Structure formats: C-alpha cells, structure tokens
Amino acid sequence: MYPLRMCVVCRARKEKEELIRVVKSPQGEIEIDFSFKAMGRGAYICKDKNCILAAQKRKAFERALRCGLDSEFYEKLGEMVSE
C-alpha cells in the first residue's frame, strides 16, 4: 500500500499521484512540484476544480504553507486541472 496524503480543502485521503503537490522552498518560493520530491514545506490538493476554488476562498494554501499567494497562482492550478 502506498502512503496516503490529504487534500488541504476536502480532507480526502488519496495516493499522492492522485493529488497536486504545492511546495514552499527553503528560499520562500512557491511552486507546483511535479516530481513529489522537492525540498520544502508541501501541501496537497485534489485535481478538482471545486477544490481549487474552495482553496482560494478559504485561503487553505496560505495557512498550510504559511505565506501569501496571489490569484495568479490559483489560475495556474485551475489550468492544470482543465487540461
């Protein structure tokens, strides 16, 4: 059995390949981690448009990563899901 990760919005537990990982690097940069191995504080979200919209509304990543994010970041996440 693979390790399970939890979505910061809906709290669903899924395998990490089913989620999107967002990481805050030690330098403070926020990026989407496609390798699931980047150094830094990470948070996961479902590949679901509703979860992304709710994350923006609830400021879920701001709390999880302890930083401020702009709407451009959420637009980028939304584009990944629609692809």
C-alpha atoms as a PDB file:
ATOM      1  CA  MET A   1       0.000   0.000   0.000  1.00  0.00           C
ATOM      2  CA  TYR A   2       1.265   3.454  -0.932  1.00  0.00           C
ATOM      3  CA  PRO A   3       1.349   6.315   1.552  1.00  0.00           C
ATOM      4  CA  LEU A   4      -1.783   8.436   1.592  1.00  0.00           C
ATOM      5  CA  ARG A   5      -1.834  12.227   1.524  1.00  0.00           C
ATOM      6  CA  MET A   6      -4.674  14.551   2.495  1.00  0.00           C
ATOM      7  CA  CYS A   7      -6.196  17.352   0.430  1.00  0.00           C
ATOM      8  CA  VAL A   8      -5.958  20.714   2.247  1.00  0.00           C
ATOM      9  CA  VAL A   9      -9.551  21.530   1.293  1.00  0.00           C
ATOM     10  CA  CYS A  10     -11.828  18.479   1.337  1.00  0.00           C
ATOM     11  CA  ARG A  11      -9.546  16.434   3.647  1.00  0.00           C
ATOM     12  CA  ALA A  12      -9.926  13.365   1.396  1.00  0.00           C
ATOM     13  CA  ARG A  13      -7.082  10.872   1.731  1.00  0.00           C
ATOM     14  CA  LYS A  14      -5.656   9.694  -1.588  1.00  0.00           C
ATOM     15  CA  GLU A  15      -2.425   8.345  -3.009  1.00  0.00           C
ATOM     16  CA  LYS A  16      -0.056  11.194  -3.732  1.00  0.00           C
ATOM     17  CA  GLU A  17      -0.112  10.571  -7.501  1.00  0.00           C
ATOM     18  CA  GLU A  18      -3.832  11.419  -7.482  1.00  0.00           C
ATOM     19  CA  LEU A  19      -3.143  14.869  -5.975  1.00  0.00           C
ATOM     20  CA  ILE A  20      -1.232  18.037  -6.902  1.00  0.00           C
ATOM     21  CA  ARG A  21       1.655  18.945  -4.585  1.00  0.00           C
ATOM     22  CA  VAL A  22       2.454  22.586  -3.932  1.00  0.00           C
ATOM     23  CA  VAL A  23       5.727  23.285  -2.142  1.00  0.00           C
ATOM     24  CA  LYS A  24       7.288  26.278  -0.432  1.00  0.00           C
ATOM     25  CA  SER A  25      11.040  26.011  -0.923  1.00  0.00           C
ATOM     26  CA  PRO A  26      13.518  26.935   1.821  1.00  0.00           C
ATOM     27  CA  GLN A  27      14.097  30.185  -0.130  1.00  0.00           C
ATOM     28  CA  GLY A  28      10.379  31.016   0.169  1.00  0.00           C
ATOM     29  CA  GLU A  29       9.398  30.342  -3.457  1.00  0.00           C
ATOM     30  CA  ILE A  30       6.027  28.696  -4.105  1.00  0.00           C
ATOM     31  CA  GLU A  31       5.877  26.194  -6.960  1.00  0.00           C
ATOM     32  CA  ILE A  32       3.969  23.158  -8.155  1.00  0.00           C
ATOM     33  CA  ASP A  33       6.029  20.031  -7.526  1.00  0.00           C
ATOM     34  CA  PHE A  34       5.584  17.550 -10.353  1.00  0.00           C
ATOM     35  CA  SER A  35       8.266  15.194  -9.004  1.00  0.00           C
ATOM     36  CA  PHE A  36       6.746  14.963  -5.483  1.00  0.00           C
ATOM     37  CA  LYS A  37      10.326  15.182  -4.154  1.00  0.00           C
ATOM     38  CA  ALA A  38      11.146  18.887  -3.949  1.00  0.00           C
ATOM     39  CA  MET A  39      12.604  20.144  -0.681  1.00  0.00           C
ATOM     40  CA  GLY A  40      10.416  22.341   1.471  1.00  0.00           C
ATOM     41  CA  ARG A  41       7.023  22.512   3.101  1.00  0.00           C
ATOM     42  CA  GLY A  42       4.403  20.779   0.958  1.00  0.00           C
ATOM     43  CA  ALA A  43       0.631  20.737   0.737  1.00  0.00           C
ATOM     44  CA  TYR A  44      -1.629  18.630  -1.460  1.00  0.00           C
ATOM     45  CA  ILE A  45      -4.882  19.368  -3.266  1.00  0.00           C
ATOM     46  CA  CYS A  46      -7.264  17.230  -5.331  1.00  0.00           C
ATOM     47  CA  LYS A  47      -7.231  17.511  -9.104  1.00  0.00           C
ATOM     48  CA  ASP A  48     -10.706  19.003  -8.901  1.00  0.00           C
ATOM     49  CA  LYS A  49     -11.825  22.474  -9.966  1.00  0.00           C
ATOM     50  CA  ASN A  50     -14.155  22.775  -6.950  1.00  0.00           C
ATOM     51  CA  CYS A  51     -11.323  22.064  -4.501  1.00  0.00           C
ATOM     52  CA  ILE A  52      -9.145  24.714  -6.145  1.00  0.00           C
ATOM     53  CA  LEU A  53     -11.916  27.319  -5.978  1.00  0.00           C
ATOM     54  CA  ALA A  54     -12.592  26.448  -2.337  1.00  0.00           C
ATOM     55  CA  ALA A  55      -8.856  26.634  -1.531  1.00  0.00           C
ATOM     56  CA  GLN A  56      -8.730  30.171  -2.873  1.00  0.00           C
ATOM     57  CA  LYS A  57     -11.860  31.190  -0.993  1.00  0.00           C
ATOM     58  CA  ARG A  58     -10.740  29.619   2.317  1.00  0.00           C
ATOM     59  CA  LYS A  59      -7.063  30.585   1.908  1.00  0.00           C
ATOM     60  CA  ALA A  60      -6.115  26.955   2.512  1.00  0.00           C
ATOM     61  CA  PHE A  61      -2.639  27.178   0.972  1.00  0.00           C
ATOM     62  CA  GLU A  62      -1.885  30.403   2.805  1.00  0.00           C
ATOM     63  CA  ARG A  63      -2.474  28.571   6.096  1.00  0.00           C
ATOM     64  CA  ALA A  64      -0.784  25.311   5.093  1.00  0.00           C
ATOM     65  CA  LEU A  65       2.338  26.929   3.628  1.00  0.00           C
ATOM     66  CA  ARG A  66       2.375  29.934   5.989  1.00  0.00           C
ATOM     67  CA  CYS A  67       2.667  32.534   3.233  1.00  0.00           C
ATOM     68  CA  GLY A  68       0.645  34.830   0.991  1.00  0.00           C
ATOM     69  CA  LEU A  69      -0.436  33.821  -2.528  1.00  0.00           C
ATOM     70  CA  ASP A  70      -1.914  35.807  -5.377  1.00  0.00           C
ATOM     71  CA  SER A  71      -4.812  34.899  -7.661  1.00  0.00           C
ATOM     72  CA  GLU A  72      -2.357  34.125 -10.489  1.00  0.00           C
ATOM     73  CA  PHE A  73      -1.214  31.028  -8.582  1.00  0.00           C
ATOM     74  CA  TYR A  74      -4.783  29.718  -8.359  1.00  0.00           C
ATOM     75  CA  GLU A  75      -5.345  30.416 -12.055  1.00  0.00           C
ATOM     76  CA  LYS A  76      -2.279  28.308 -12.825  1.00  0.00           C
ATOM     77  CA  LEU A  77      -3.655  25.476 -10.704  1.00  0.00           C
ATOM     78  CA  GLY A  78      -7.018  25.759 -12.443  1.00  0.00           C
ATOM     79  CA  GLU A  79      -5.352  25.483 -15.850  1.00  0.00           C
ATOM     80  CA  MET A  80      -3.627  22.278 -14.768  1.00  0.00           C
ATOM     81  CA  VAL A  81      -6.949  20.688 -13.835  1.00  0.00           C
ATOM     82  CA  SER A  82      -8.746  21.734 -17.030  1.00  0.00           C
ATOM     83  CA  GLU A  83      -6.030  20.182 -19.228  1.00  0.00           C
END
